[in-house]
Amino acid sequence: MSSERAVSPVRAVSSDEFRRACGRFATGIAIASVNDAGTPHGLTVSSFSSVSLVPPLVLFCLGHLVTNIEEFRRARYFSLNFLGEEQRHLSDRFAQKWHDRFDGIAWHKGVTGAPLIAGALATMECALYQRFTSGDHDIFVGEVVGTSVNDGAPLIHHAGRYRRLAGE
């Protein structure tokens, strides 16, 4: 498949229309994090996807205007921390624009040095495999080099609100 951009003869949707439609896709919530010269940095993301089983690849996306994108661009390793429904406060905290989001948060360095948040439903430590720009975002592809998994209900976001799974 060609990497050239196809030109559509129909009009593009507005940013508001696009955001509203994407909001109808229920997603889990993760905190993407890096360790930059001993300082942990992280932010809330919902743009996560598995990419490949062999090798084990995942991706997440960061907008060019996020406050700590340069720390992610410099990092050789990153982690993804999938939040449980009792960790909504972490999702809200890491979505805010402030510099020390990890202050007072229980976390530890993984084997790669990437920050792992205590109590997350699952964590993935990743070695940067590829980073490229598409539109107004950078897409970070990582090869998973470590995981941990815990029991619990996931933190879900749909149509601009946190939700619970039916039967939970």
Protein backbone atom coordinates (compact mmCIF):
# COMPACT_ATOMS: atom_id res chain seq x y z
CA MET A 1 0.00 0.00 0.00
CA SER A 2 1.31 3.43 -0.93
CA SER A 3 2.11 5.97 1.77
CA GLU A 4 0.88 8.80 -0.46
CA ARG A 5 -2.08 10.77 0.82
CA ALA A 6 -5.29 10.19 -1.10
CA VAL A 7 -7.17 13.32 -2.12
CA SER A 8 -10.89 13.07 -1.52
CA PRO A 9 -13.44 14.75 -3.80
CA VAL A 10 -15.82 15.25 -0.83
CA ARG A 11 -15.53 17.94 1.82
CA ALA A 12 -13.54 17.28 4.98
CA VAL A 13 -15.42 17.22 8.28
CA SER A 14 -14.80 19.93 10.84
CA SER A 15 -12.68 19.31 13.93
CA ASP A 16 -15.83 19.43 16.07
CA GLU A 17 -17.64 16.88 13.89
CA PHE A 18 -14.61 14.61 13.92
CA ARG A 19 -14.15 14.88 17.72
CA ARG A 20 -17.84 14.12 18.31
CA ALA A 21 -17.79 11.03 16.07
CA CYS A 22 -14.55 9.73 17.61
CA GLY A 23 -16.06 10.23 21.05
CA ARG A 24 -18.62 7.54 20.24
CA PHE A 25 -15.85 4.94 20.22
CA ALA A 26 -15.46 3.70 23.79
CA THR A 27 -11.84 3.60 24.90
CA GLY A 28 -9.84 2.62 27.89
CA ILE A 29 -7.62 5.22 29.53
CA ALA A 30 -3.85 4.98 29.83
CA ILE A 31 -1.09 7.13 31.17
CA ALA A 32 1.85 7.25 28.77
CA SER A 33 5.07 8.02 30.62
CA VAL A 34 8.81 8.50 30.12
CA ASN A 35 11.79 9.10 32.35
CA ASP A 36 13.78 12.12 31.17
CA ALA A 37 17.13 12.47 32.97
CA GLY A 38 15.64 11.05 36.18
CA THR A 39 12.40 13.05 36.05
CA PRO A 40 9.15 11.20 35.27
CA HIS A 41 6.77 12.74 32.75
CA GLY A 42 3.38 11.46 31.72
CA LEU A 43 -0.02 12.30 30.37
CA THR A 44 -3.43 10.78 29.83
CA VAL A 45 -4.00 9.12 26.46
CA SER A 46 -6.88 7.23 24.91
CA SER A 47 -5.26 6.82 21.49
CA PHE A 48 -3.74 3.39 22.10
CA SER A 49 -3.74 0.38 19.82
CA SER A 50 -1.99 -2.94 19.54
CA VAL A 51 -0.22 -3.22 16.19
CA SER A 52 1.54 -6.57 15.90
CA LEU A 53 2.02 -9.85 17.78
CA VAL A 54 5.41 -10.69 16.25
CA PRO A 55 7.16 -8.56 17.24
CA PRO A 56 4.81 -7.30 19.98
CA LEU A 57 4.12 -3.70 18.91
CA VAL A 58 1.75 -1.05 20.27
CA LEU A 59 1.16 2.59 19.45
CA PHE A 60 -0.18 5.76 20.97
CA CYS A 61 -0.49 9.29 19.61
CA LEU A 62 0.44 12.69 21.03
CA GLY A 63 -0.70 16.03 19.67
CA HIS A 64 2.04 18.46 18.75
CA LEU A 65 0.78 20.96 21.33
CA VAL A 66 1.01 18.74 24.44
CA THR A 67 3.26 20.23 27.09
CA ASN A 68 5.82 17.43 27.32
CA ILE A 69 6.00 16.08 23.78
CA GLU A 70 9.73 16.87 23.60
CA GLU A 71 10.45 14.52 26.52
CA PHE A 72 8.63 11.75 24.63
CA ARG A 73 10.48 12.55 21.41
CA ARG A 74 13.84 12.21 23.21
CA ALA A 75 12.99 8.99 25.05
CA ARG A 76 14.30 5.57 24.01
CA TYR A 77 11.75 3.87 26.29
CA PHE A 78 8.21 4.63 27.37
CA SER A 79 5.51 2.94 29.39
CA LEU A 80 1.76 2.66 29.12
CA ASN A 81 -0.22 2.34 32.35
CA PHE A 82 -3.80 1.16 31.80
CA LEU A 83 -6.07 2.60 34.49
CA GLY A 84 -8.74 0.86 36.52
CA GLU A 85 -12.06 2.57 37.26
CA GLU A 86 -10.89 3.49 40.78
CA GLN A 87 -8.04 5.51 39.21
CA ARG A 88 -10.19 8.17 37.57
CA HIS A 89 -8.42 10.82 39.66
CA LEU A 90 -5.16 9.86 37.91
CA SER A 91 -6.76 10.22 34.49
CA ASP A 92 -7.99 13.69 35.43
CA ARG A 93 -4.68 14.69 37.03
CA PHE A 94 -2.50 13.59 34.09
CA ALA A 95 -4.86 15.34 31.65
CA GLN A 96 -4.14 18.71 33.34
CA LYS A 97 -1.35 21.00 32.16
CA TRP A 98 1.07 21.12 35.03
CA HIS A 99 4.68 20.08 35.23
CA ASP A 100 4.93 17.65 38.15
CA ARG A 101 2.03 15.27 37.54
CA PHE A 102 3.87 12.47 39.40
CA ASP A 103 4.21 14.46 42.65
CA GLY A 104 2.64 12.36 45.42
CA ILE A 105 1.75 9.49 43.04
CA ALA A 106 2.90 5.94 43.86
CA TRP A 107 5.12 4.73 41.02
CA HIS A 108 8.41 2.97 40.40
CA LYS A 109 10.93 2.64 37.59
CA GLY A 110 10.56 -0.41 35.41
CA VAL A 111 13.52 -2.33 34.00
CA THR A 112 13.79 0.24 31.19
CA GLY A 113 13.60 3.15 33.64
CA ALA A 114 10.13 4.14 32.39
CA PRO A 115 7.66 5.08 35.16
CA LEU A 116 5.12 2.41 36.16
CA ILE A 117 2.08 3.55 38.15
CA ALA A 118 1.17 1.47 41.20
CA GLY A 119 -2.17 -0.31 40.99
CA ALA A 120 -2.62 0.05 37.22
CA LEU A 121 -4.69 -2.72 35.59
CA ALA A 122 -1.76 -3.42 33.31
CA THR A 123 1.54 -1.83 32.40
CA MET A 124 3.65 -2.15 29.28
CA GLU A 125 7.26 -1.10 29.02
CA CYS A 126 8.26 -0.37 25.46
CA ALA A 127 11.40 0.33 23.48
CA LEU A 128 10.81 2.98 20.84
CA TYR A 129 10.44 1.13 17.54
CA GLN A 130 9.32 3.97 15.30
CA ARG A 131 8.04 7.54 15.57
CA PHE A 132 6.46 9.45 12.75
CA THR A 133 4.27 12.47 12.17
CA SER A 134 0.79 12.29 10.76
CA GLY A 135 -1.34 15.43 10.69
CA ASP A 136 -1.00 17.33 13.97
CA HIS A 137 0.16 14.29 15.98
CA ASP A 138 3.27 12.17 16.47
CA ILE A 139 2.63 8.43 16.43
CA PHE A 140 4.87 6.48 18.79
CA VAL A 141 5.25 2.78 18.03
CA GLY A 142 6.90 0.70 20.73
CA GLU A 143 8.11 -2.85 21.01
CA VAL A 144 6.76 -4.27 24.26
CA VAL A 145 9.64 -5.52 26.41
CA GLY A 146 7.80 -6.02 29.71
CA THR A 147 4.28 -6.28 31.07
CA SER A 148 2.38 -6.65 34.33
CA VAL A 149 -1.32 -7.41 34.72
CA ASN A 150 -3.71 -6.97 37.67
CA ASP A 151 -7.38 -7.79 38.16
CA GLY A 152 -10.06 -5.10 38.18
CA ALA A 153 -12.55 -3.16 36.10
CA PRO A 154 -11.18 -0.79 33.42
CA LEU A 155 -11.62 2.96 33.35
CA ILE A 156 -13.77 3.59 30.26
CA HIS A 157 -14.41 6.83 28.38
CA HIS A 158 -17.29 7.29 25.92
CA ALA A 159 -19.06 10.35 24.50
CA GLY A 160 -17.11 12.76 26.70
CA ARG A 161 -17.77 10.94 30.00
CA TYR A 162 -16.38 8.17 32.13
CA ARG A 163 -18.53 5.04 31.96
CA ARG A 164 -18.83 1.63 33.60
CA LEU A 165 -19.13 -1.69 31.88
CA ALA A 166 -22.62 -3.22 32.12
CA GLY A 167 -22.84 -5.80 34.86
CA GLU A 168 -19.97 -4.25 36.83
